[in-house]
Protein backbone atom coordinates (compact mmCIF):
# COMPACT_ATOMS: atom_id res chain seq x y z
CA MET A 1 9.83 -15.84 -18.65
CA ASP A 2 8.47 -12.96 -20.74
CA TYR A 3 7.00 -10.72 -18.02
CA LYS A 4 5.28 -8.37 -20.44
CA PHE A 5 3.53 -11.31 -22.09
CA GLU A 6 2.55 -12.74 -18.69
CA GLY A 7 1.35 -9.34 -17.50
CA GLU A 8 -0.80 -8.85 -20.59
CA ASN A 9 -2.32 -12.28 -19.98
CA ILE A 10 -3.23 -11.32 -16.42
CA LYS A 11 -4.71 -8.05 -17.69
CA ARG A 12 -6.84 -9.99 -20.18
CA LYS A 13 -8.15 -12.26 -17.40
CA LEU A 14 -9.06 -9.28 -15.22
CA ILE A 15 -10.91 -7.66 -18.13
CA GLU A 16 -12.80 -10.89 -18.87
CA LYS A 17 -13.86 -11.11 -15.22
CA GLY A 18 -15.17 -7.54 -15.39
CA LEU A 19 -12.64 -6.31 -12.81
CA TYR A 20 -10.46 -4.04 -14.93
CA ARG A 21 -11.45 -1.19 -17.25
CA LYS A 22 -9.82 1.85 -18.74
CA LEU A 23 -9.82 4.93 -16.54
CA GLU A 24 -12.42 7.66 -16.94
CA ASN A 25 -11.17 11.11 -17.93
CA TYR A 26 -11.94 14.17 -15.79
CA ASN A 27 -11.60 17.89 -16.45
CA PRO A 28 -9.89 20.17 -13.92
CA GLU A 29 -12.15 22.36 -11.75
CA LEU A 30 -9.54 24.59 -10.14
CA GLU A 31 -10.46 26.99 -7.34
CA PRO A 32 -7.69 29.05 -5.68
CA ASP A 33 -7.45 28.45 -1.89
CA LYS A 34 -9.90 25.52 -2.08
CA ILE A 35 -9.19 22.89 0.60
CA SER A 36 -9.97 19.21 0.12
CA ILE A 37 -9.28 16.29 2.44
CA GLY A 38 -8.81 12.56 2.00
CA TYR A 39 -8.04 9.64 4.26
CA SER A 40 -6.63 6.15 3.90
CA TYR A 41 -5.85 3.02 5.85
CA PRO A 42 -2.65 1.06 5.10
CA ILE A 43 -2.48 -2.29 3.35
CA LYS A 44 -1.04 -5.70 4.07
CA ALA A 45 0.12 -7.64 1.03
CA PHE A 46 -0.79 -11.19 0.12
CA GLU A 47 1.17 -11.19 -3.13
CA LYS A 48 4.01 -8.75 -2.54
CA PHE A 49 6.18 -6.64 -4.82
CA LEU A 50 9.68 -5.32 -4.45
CA GLY A 51 11.75 -3.69 -7.17
CA TYR A 52 10.69 -1.19 -9.83
CA TYR A 53 10.95 -1.85 -13.55
CA ASP A 54 10.45 1.89 -14.07
CA ASP A 55 11.44 3.91 -11.02
CA TYR A 56 10.30 7.23 -12.51
CA TYR A 57 6.68 6.13 -12.99
CA LYS A 58 6.82 3.56 -10.16
CA ILE A 59 5.99 0.57 -12.37
CA ALA A 60 6.69 -2.68 -10.52
CA TYR A 61 8.00 -5.87 -12.10
CA ASN A 62 4.88 -7.80 -11.10
CA PRO A 63 1.23 -7.40 -10.08
CA SER A 64 0.50 -7.52 -6.35
CA ILE A 65 -2.51 -8.25 -4.13
CA SER A 66 -3.48 -6.88 -0.71
CA PHE A 67 -6.23 -5.80 1.69
CA ASN A 68 -6.66 -2.79 3.97
CA THR A 69 -5.82 -2.94 7.67
CA ASP A 70 -6.59 -0.49 10.48
CA PHE A 71 -3.34 -0.37 12.43
CA SER A 72 -3.04 3.28 11.50
CA LEU A 73 -4.96 5.99 9.68
CA VAL A 74 -3.70 8.86 7.53
CA TYR A 75 -5.57 12.07 6.76
CA SER A 76 -4.33 14.57 4.20
CA ALA A 77 -5.51 18.04 3.22
CA CYS A 78 -4.66 19.86 0.00
CA MET A 79 -4.96 23.53 -0.91
CA TYR A 80 -4.44 24.87 -4.44
CA THR A 81 -2.82 28.22 -5.18
CA LYS A 82 -2.13 29.96 -8.50
CA ARG A 83 1.37 30.84 -7.36
CA GLU A 84 3.89 28.52 -9.05
CA ASN A 85 6.95 26.79 -7.57
CA SER A 86 5.66 26.92 -4.01
CA ASP A 87 4.59 23.34 -3.26
CA SER A 88 4.95 22.36 0.39
CA VAL A 89 4.24 19.40 2.65
CA ILE A 90 3.64 19.34 6.40
CA LEU A 91 3.81 15.85 7.90
CA ASP A 92 2.76 15.40 11.53
CA GLY A 93 3.22 19.11 12.18
CA LYS A 94 6.69 19.44 10.62
CA GLN A 95 8.08 20.40 7.23
CA ALA A 96 8.65 17.14 5.36
CA ASP A 97 12.11 18.11 4.12
CA ARG A 98 13.38 14.53 3.87
CA TYR A 99 10.42 13.66 1.63
CA ILE A 100 10.86 16.48 -0.90
CA GLU A 101 11.71 14.12 -3.76
CA ARG A 102 8.81 11.85 -2.86
CA TYR A 103 6.30 14.61 -3.63
CA ARG A 104 8.25 16.72 -6.14
CA LYS A 105 8.42 14.01 -8.81
CA PRO A 106 4.76 12.86 -8.51
CA LEU A 107 3.59 16.48 -8.81
CA GLU A 108 5.85 16.96 -11.83
CA ILE A 109 4.22 13.96 -13.55
CA PHE A 110 0.75 15.06 -12.43
CA ARG A 111 1.23 18.49 -14.00
CA LYS A 112 2.64 16.96 -17.18
CA ASN A 113 -0.37 14.62 -17.47
CA THR A 114 -3.05 17.20 -16.66
CA GLY A 115 -1.63 20.54 -17.81
CA VAL A 116 -2.45 22.01 -14.40
CA ARG A 117 -0.31 24.95 -13.28
CA GLY A 118 0.11 26.51 -9.87
CA SER A 119 1.11 24.90 -6.58
CA PHE A 120 -0.29 22.64 -3.89
CA LYS A 121 0.04 22.80 -0.11
CA PHE A 122 -0.39 19.51 1.76
CA TYR A 123 -1.07 18.98 5.44
CA ILE A 124 -0.71 15.30 6.43
CA LYS A 125 -1.25 13.61 9.76
CA ARG A 126 -0.71 9.99 10.81
CA TYR A 127 -2.80 8.43 13.57
CA ARG A 128 -1.08 5.28 14.86
CA LYS A 129 -2.06 2.53 17.26
CA TYR A 130 1.64 1.96 18.02
CA ASP A 131 4.78 4.04 18.61
CA GLU A 132 7.49 3.28 16.03
CA ALA A 133 7.41 0.21 13.79
CA LYS A 134 8.65 -0.95 10.40
CA GLY A 135 6.62 -3.05 8.00
CA LEU A 136 3.13 -1.65 8.66
CA SER A 137 2.89 0.08 5.28
CA GLU A 138 2.35 3.63 6.54
CA SER A 139 3.69 4.91 3.23
CA SER A 140 0.81 3.24 1.38
CA ALA A 141 -1.74 5.15 3.45
CA VAL A 142 0.14 8.44 3.06
CA ALA A 143 0.32 8.03 -0.73
CA SER A 144 -3.35 7.10 -1.00
CA ALA A 145 -4.62 9.92 1.26
CA VAL A 146 -2.47 12.53 -0.50
CA SER A 147 -3.61 11.35 -3.93
CA ARG A 148 -7.29 11.41 -2.98
CA CYS A 149 -7.26 14.93 -1.58
CA LEU A 150 -5.28 16.16 -4.61
CA ILE A 151 -7.66 14.50 -7.11
CA LYS A 152 -10.68 15.82 -5.22
CA ASN A 153 -9.18 19.31 -5.16
CA VAL A 154 -8.36 19.43 -8.87
CA PHE A 155 -11.13 17.35 -10.47
CA GLY A 156 -13.99 17.44 -7.96
CA HIS A 157 -15.77 14.95 -5.71
CA LYS A 158 -16.73 12.46 -8.43
CA ALA A 159 -13.09 12.00 -9.43
CA GLY A 160 -12.09 11.91 -5.77
CA GLY A 161 -14.47 9.00 -5.29
CA ASP A 162 -13.09 7.09 -8.27
CA ASP A 163 -10.75 4.67 -6.47
CA ASN A 164 -9.08 3.47 -9.68
CA PHE A 165 -8.28 7.02 -10.78
CA VAL A 166 -6.95 7.89 -7.31
CA SER A 167 -4.94 4.66 -7.39
CA ARG A 168 -3.08 5.68 -10.53
CA TYR A 169 -1.72 8.83 -8.92
CA ALA A 170 -1.11 7.26 -5.51
CA ARG A 171 1.29 4.93 -7.33
CA LEU A 172 3.55 7.87 -8.17
CA VAL A 173 4.18 8.48 -4.46
CA SER A 174 4.42 4.83 -3.37
CA GLY A 175 3.76 1.61 -5.24
CA SER A 176 1.88 0.17 -2.29
CA GLY A 177 -0.29 3.28 -2.21
CA THR A 178 -1.81 2.08 -5.45
CA ARG A 179 -3.60 -0.69 -3.56
CA ALA A 180 -4.33 1.35 -0.43
CA ALA A 181 -6.51 3.62 -2.59
CA ILE A 182 -8.97 0.78 -3.17
CA ASN A 183 -11.65 0.37 -0.52
CA GLY A 184 -11.25 -3.36 -0.01
CA PRO A 185 -9.05 -6.18 -1.33
CA SER A 186 -7.31 -5.30 -4.57
CA ILE A 187 -4.83 -6.29 -7.25
CA TRP A 188 -2.41 -3.78 -8.72
CA LEU A 189 -1.81 -4.38 -12.41
CA SER A 190 1.87 -3.69 -13.03
CA TYR A 191 4.45 -5.34 -15.25
CA PRO A 192 7.32 -4.41 -17.58
CA GLY A 193 6.03 -2.58 -20.63
CA ILE A 194 2.62 -1.55 -19.28
CA MET A 195 1.52 1.98 -20.18
CA GLU A 196 1.72 4.33 -17.19
CA GLU A 197 -1.97 5.27 -17.42
CA ASP A 198 -2.96 1.58 -17.34
CA SER A 199 -1.10 0.75 -14.13
CA PHE A 200 -3.50 1.03 -11.19
CA ALA A 201 -5.29 -1.22 -8.72
CA VAL A 202 -8.79 -2.68 -8.98
CA LYS A 203 -11.05 -4.29 -6.41
CA ILE A 204 -11.19 -8.10 -6.39
CA PRO A 205 -14.09 -10.38 -5.38
CA THR A 206 -12.85 -11.92 -2.17
CA TYR A 207 -13.85 -11.67 1.47
CA PRO A 208 -11.12 -10.46 3.85
CA GLU A 209 -13.85 -10.27 6.53
CA LYS A 210 -13.20 -13.99 6.89
CA ILE A 211 -9.67 -13.23 8.08
CA ASN A 212 -9.05 -12.75 11.78
CA TYR A 213 -5.72 -11.01 12.17
CA ALA A 214 -3.33 -9.31 14.57
CA ILE A 215 -0.04 -7.47 14.11
CA PHE A 216 3.08 -7.52 16.30
CA PRO A 217 4.67 -4.06 15.80
CA LYS A 218 8.47 -4.12 15.81
CA ASN A 219 10.98 -1.56 14.60
CA ILE A 220 14.24 -1.58 12.65
CA ASP A 221 16.29 1.13 10.98
CA TYR A 222 15.81 0.09 7.35
CA GLN A 223 14.40 1.97 4.39
CA THR A 224 12.06 0.28 1.92
CA SER A 225 13.66 2.37 -0.83
CA ASP A 226 16.91 0.51 -0.11
CA ALA A 227 15.09 -2.81 -0.44
CA HIS A 228 13.71 -1.81 -3.87
CA SER A 229 17.18 -1.09 -5.21
CA GLU A 230 18.86 -4.08 -3.55
CA VAL A 231 16.40 -6.83 -4.38
CA VAL A 232 16.73 -6.54 -8.17
CA LYS A 233 20.45 -7.33 -7.82
CA SER A 234 19.75 -10.69 -6.18
CA PRO A 235 20.67 -13.79 -8.22
CA PHE A 236 17.30 -15.21 -7.13
CA TYR A 237 15.15 -12.25 -8.22
CA ASP A 238 14.11 -13.68 -11.59
CA SER A 239 13.15 -17.04 -10.10
CA TRP A 240 11.06 -15.18 -7.48
CA LEU A 241 9.25 -13.30 -10.24
CA ASP A 242 8.68 -16.49 -12.25
CA ARG A 243 6.99 -18.09 -9.27
CA LYS A 244 4.92 -14.97 -8.65
CA TYR A 245 3.42 -14.92 -12.13
CA ARG A 246 2.51 -18.61 -11.91
CA ARG A 247 0.87 -18.17 -8.52
CA ILE A 248 -1.01 -14.99 -9.49
CA ASN A 249 -2.49 -16.78 -12.49
CA GLU A 250 -3.60 -19.63 -10.23
CA ILE A 251 -5.14 -17.22 -7.71
CA ILE A 252 -7.13 -15.44 -10.46
CA ASP A 253 -8.23 -18.73 -12.02
CA GLU A 254 -9.46 -19.91 -8.60
CA ASP A 255 -11.38 -16.63 -8.03
CA PHE A 256 -9.17 -15.22 -5.27
CA LYS A 257 -9.92 -17.80 -2.55
CA ILE A 258 -9.11 -16.26 0.80
CA GLU A 259 -7.36 -19.36 2.19
CA ASP A 260 -5.08 -19.44 -0.85
CA LEU A 261 -4.30 -15.75 -0.39
CA MET A 262 -3.34 -16.19 3.27
CA ARG A 263 -1.15 -19.17 2.41
CA ARG A 264 0.45 -17.20 -0.38
CA ALA A 265 1.12 -14.26 1.97
CA MET A 266 3.16 -16.57 4.21
CA GLU A 267 5.10 -18.05 1.29
CA GLU A 268 5.83 -14.56 0.06
CA MET A 269 7.20 -13.43 3.41
CA PHE A 270 9.78 -16.21 3.45
CA ASP A 271 10.66 -15.62 -0.22
CA LEU A 272 11.03 -11.87 0.28
CA ASN A 273 13.31 -12.33 3.29
CA SER A 274 15.40 -14.90 1.41
CA VAL A 275 15.90 -12.73 -1.67
CA LEU A 276 16.87 -9.71 0.43
CA MET A 277 19.21 -11.79 2.57
CA SER A 278 21.02 -12.94 -0.57
CA ARG A 279 22.11 -9.30 -0.87
CA GLY A 280 23.10 -9.04 2.80
CA ASN A 281 19.92 -7.27 3.88
CA VAL A 282 18.46 -8.62 7.12
CA ILE A 283 15.04 -7.12 7.93
CA GLN A 284 14.25 -9.19 11.02
CA THR A 285 15.24 -8.59 14.64
CA PRO A 286 16.00 -11.16 17.36
CA GLU A 287 12.51 -10.50 18.74
CA SER A 288 10.74 -11.07 15.41
CA ILE A 289 12.81 -14.19 14.71
CA ALA A 290 11.85 -15.58 18.13
CA LEU A 291 8.20 -14.85 17.36
CA MET A 292 8.53 -16.56 13.98
CA LYS A 293 10.03 -19.65 15.64
CA ASN A 294 7.12 -19.77 18.10
CA PHE A 295 4.69 -19.50 15.22
CA ILE A 296 6.33 -22.31 13.25
CA LYS A 297 6.23 -24.57 16.31
CA PHE A 298 2.56 -23.72 16.88
CA SER A 299 1.51 -24.11 13.24
CA LYS A 300 3.03 -27.60 12.98
CA LYS A 301 0.36 -28.77 15.43
CA ASN A 302 -2.40 -26.43 14.22
CA ALA A 303 -3.22 -26.18 10.51
CA GLY A 304 -5.04 -23.13 9.17
CA ILE A 305 -3.01 -20.32 10.71
CA TYR A 306 -0.57 -18.14 8.78
CA ILE A 307 2.02 -15.44 9.36
CA THR A 308 3.32 -12.73 7.05
CA GLY A 309 5.40 -9.58 6.95
CA ASP A 310 6.64 -7.02 4.47
CA THR A 311 9.90 -5.05 4.46
CA GLY A 312 10.29 -4.99 8.22
CA PRO A 313 10.07 -7.11 11.37
CA SER A 314 6.41 -6.34 12.15
CA LEU A 315 4.70 -9.71 11.68
CA MET A 316 0.99 -10.38 11.20
CA ALA A 317 -0.73 -13.61 12.23
CA MET A 318 -4.02 -14.52 10.58
CA SER A 319 -6.57 -17.29 10.33
CA SER A 320 -10.16 -17.83 9.23
CA ASP A 321 -10.59 -19.55 12.62
CA LYS A 322 -10.78 -16.86 15.31
CA SER A 323 -10.33 -19.30 18.17
CA LEU A 324 -7.16 -20.66 16.54
CA LEU A 325 -5.72 -17.16 16.20
CA ASN A 326 -6.57 -16.38 19.83
CA GLU A 327 -4.91 -19.60 20.94
CA PHE A 328 -1.71 -18.56 19.21
CA LEU A 329 -1.88 -15.02 20.62
CA GLU A 330 -2.24 -16.44 24.12
CA SER A 331 0.84 -18.64 23.56
CA VAL A 332 3.20 -15.70 22.99
CA ASP A 333 4.09 -12.71 25.15
CA ASP A 334 4.67 -10.10 22.44
CA PRO A 335 2.64 -6.84 22.33
CA ARG A 336 0.04 -7.04 19.57
CA ILE A 337 -2.81 -5.10 17.96
CA ILE A 338 -6.00 -6.88 16.94
CA GLY A 339 -7.18 -5.89 13.47
CA SER A 340 -10.66 -4.92 12.34
CA HIS A 341 -12.43 -4.90 8.96
CA HIS A 342 -14.85 -2.11 9.82
CA PRO A 343 -12.71 0.72 11.21
CA THR A 344 -14.39 3.91 12.37
CA GLU A 345 -11.36 6.04 13.23
CA HIS A 346 -11.72 8.13 10.08
CA LYS A 347 -15.24 9.20 11.10
CA GLN A 348 -14.09 10.15 14.58
CA LYS A 349 -11.11 12.17 13.31
CA GLU A 350 -12.59 13.85 10.23
CA MET A 351 -13.89 17.13 11.69
CA GLU A 352 -10.96 17.49 14.08
CA PHE A 353 -8.49 17.04 11.20
CA TYR A 354 -10.39 19.31 8.82
CA ASN A 355 -10.44 22.19 11.31
CA GLU A 356 -6.78 21.67 12.19
CA SER A 357 -5.61 21.53 8.56
CA LYS A 358 -7.85 24.46 7.53
CA GLU A 359 -6.41 26.64 10.26
CA TYR A 360 -2.88 25.90 9.13
CA LEU A 361 -3.43 26.15 5.36
CA GLU A 362 -5.39 29.40 5.60
CA SER A 363 -2.54 30.92 7.60
CA LEU A 364 -0.09 30.53 4.71
């Protein structure tokens, strides 16, 4: 399959539906010591992606589709300074030394694209509804929040409110951040050969409010970056991509029906696990496998309920029938978090975070 050809066809469909347009250009409005903040909720993928065609610009091999969840919240503050070569990142109160490359390269590209000089200080804080877990897409929320506060700081509030523009730069930190930057369900346009400035997420006309969902947080020591490099070596990777492009075209042609998206999310979980396992990468735990077995047994007698997961053992159950979801939740003994589509945590935390980040950044 010619993925560039297929990707261009999907782009054409999104343009025809009025969903995709070229990005607006903004001029820098730099103010030394100015502080801007941004927040983001993480995503859960329906149509997933794994593996980068272009690792430098974080261009994925295929488009992907997701919606925002509220299992965590990330706030980020950004302060600009004229002094060069002094970028820094504080994550949850500590120097983010292990993430240096994750912000150094995006800032390098950002400066190259915009001509902006000087440095940026970031203060990032994660607010979780769980302790430690893998597969809840925290990185998507971090990337999105960091991108929004940076864009707002450099280009002003209008640019900071342009989700598509924020999405482009969130991608440079984390591919999944591209979709987290969109307020609502979205599709990230990405495929081999796409121009970097054209690869961002756009909102899609579907109704995730119809989804009742809950997550079962579980942890494992496994890095998503390892999954990106491993999966492309699988002998089944190309066949996975072929199926993806066919299904994405069907989803677009059927106007993003929510039941189809939930069903696809479950198919994708099994495919993702299978492709990774073909390279000796097991991302489930005995506890998550037991939960999956219970779900399969339950779903055989109850149609209309689905389960999904990303690169980790944290599994999410979902259904358009709330009573059906509750029945499943009552049938298992695993700790869970019930999801919401109208989170308010960001409103409750905004002033507290702003004062906290301002105090730190002004002390530098």
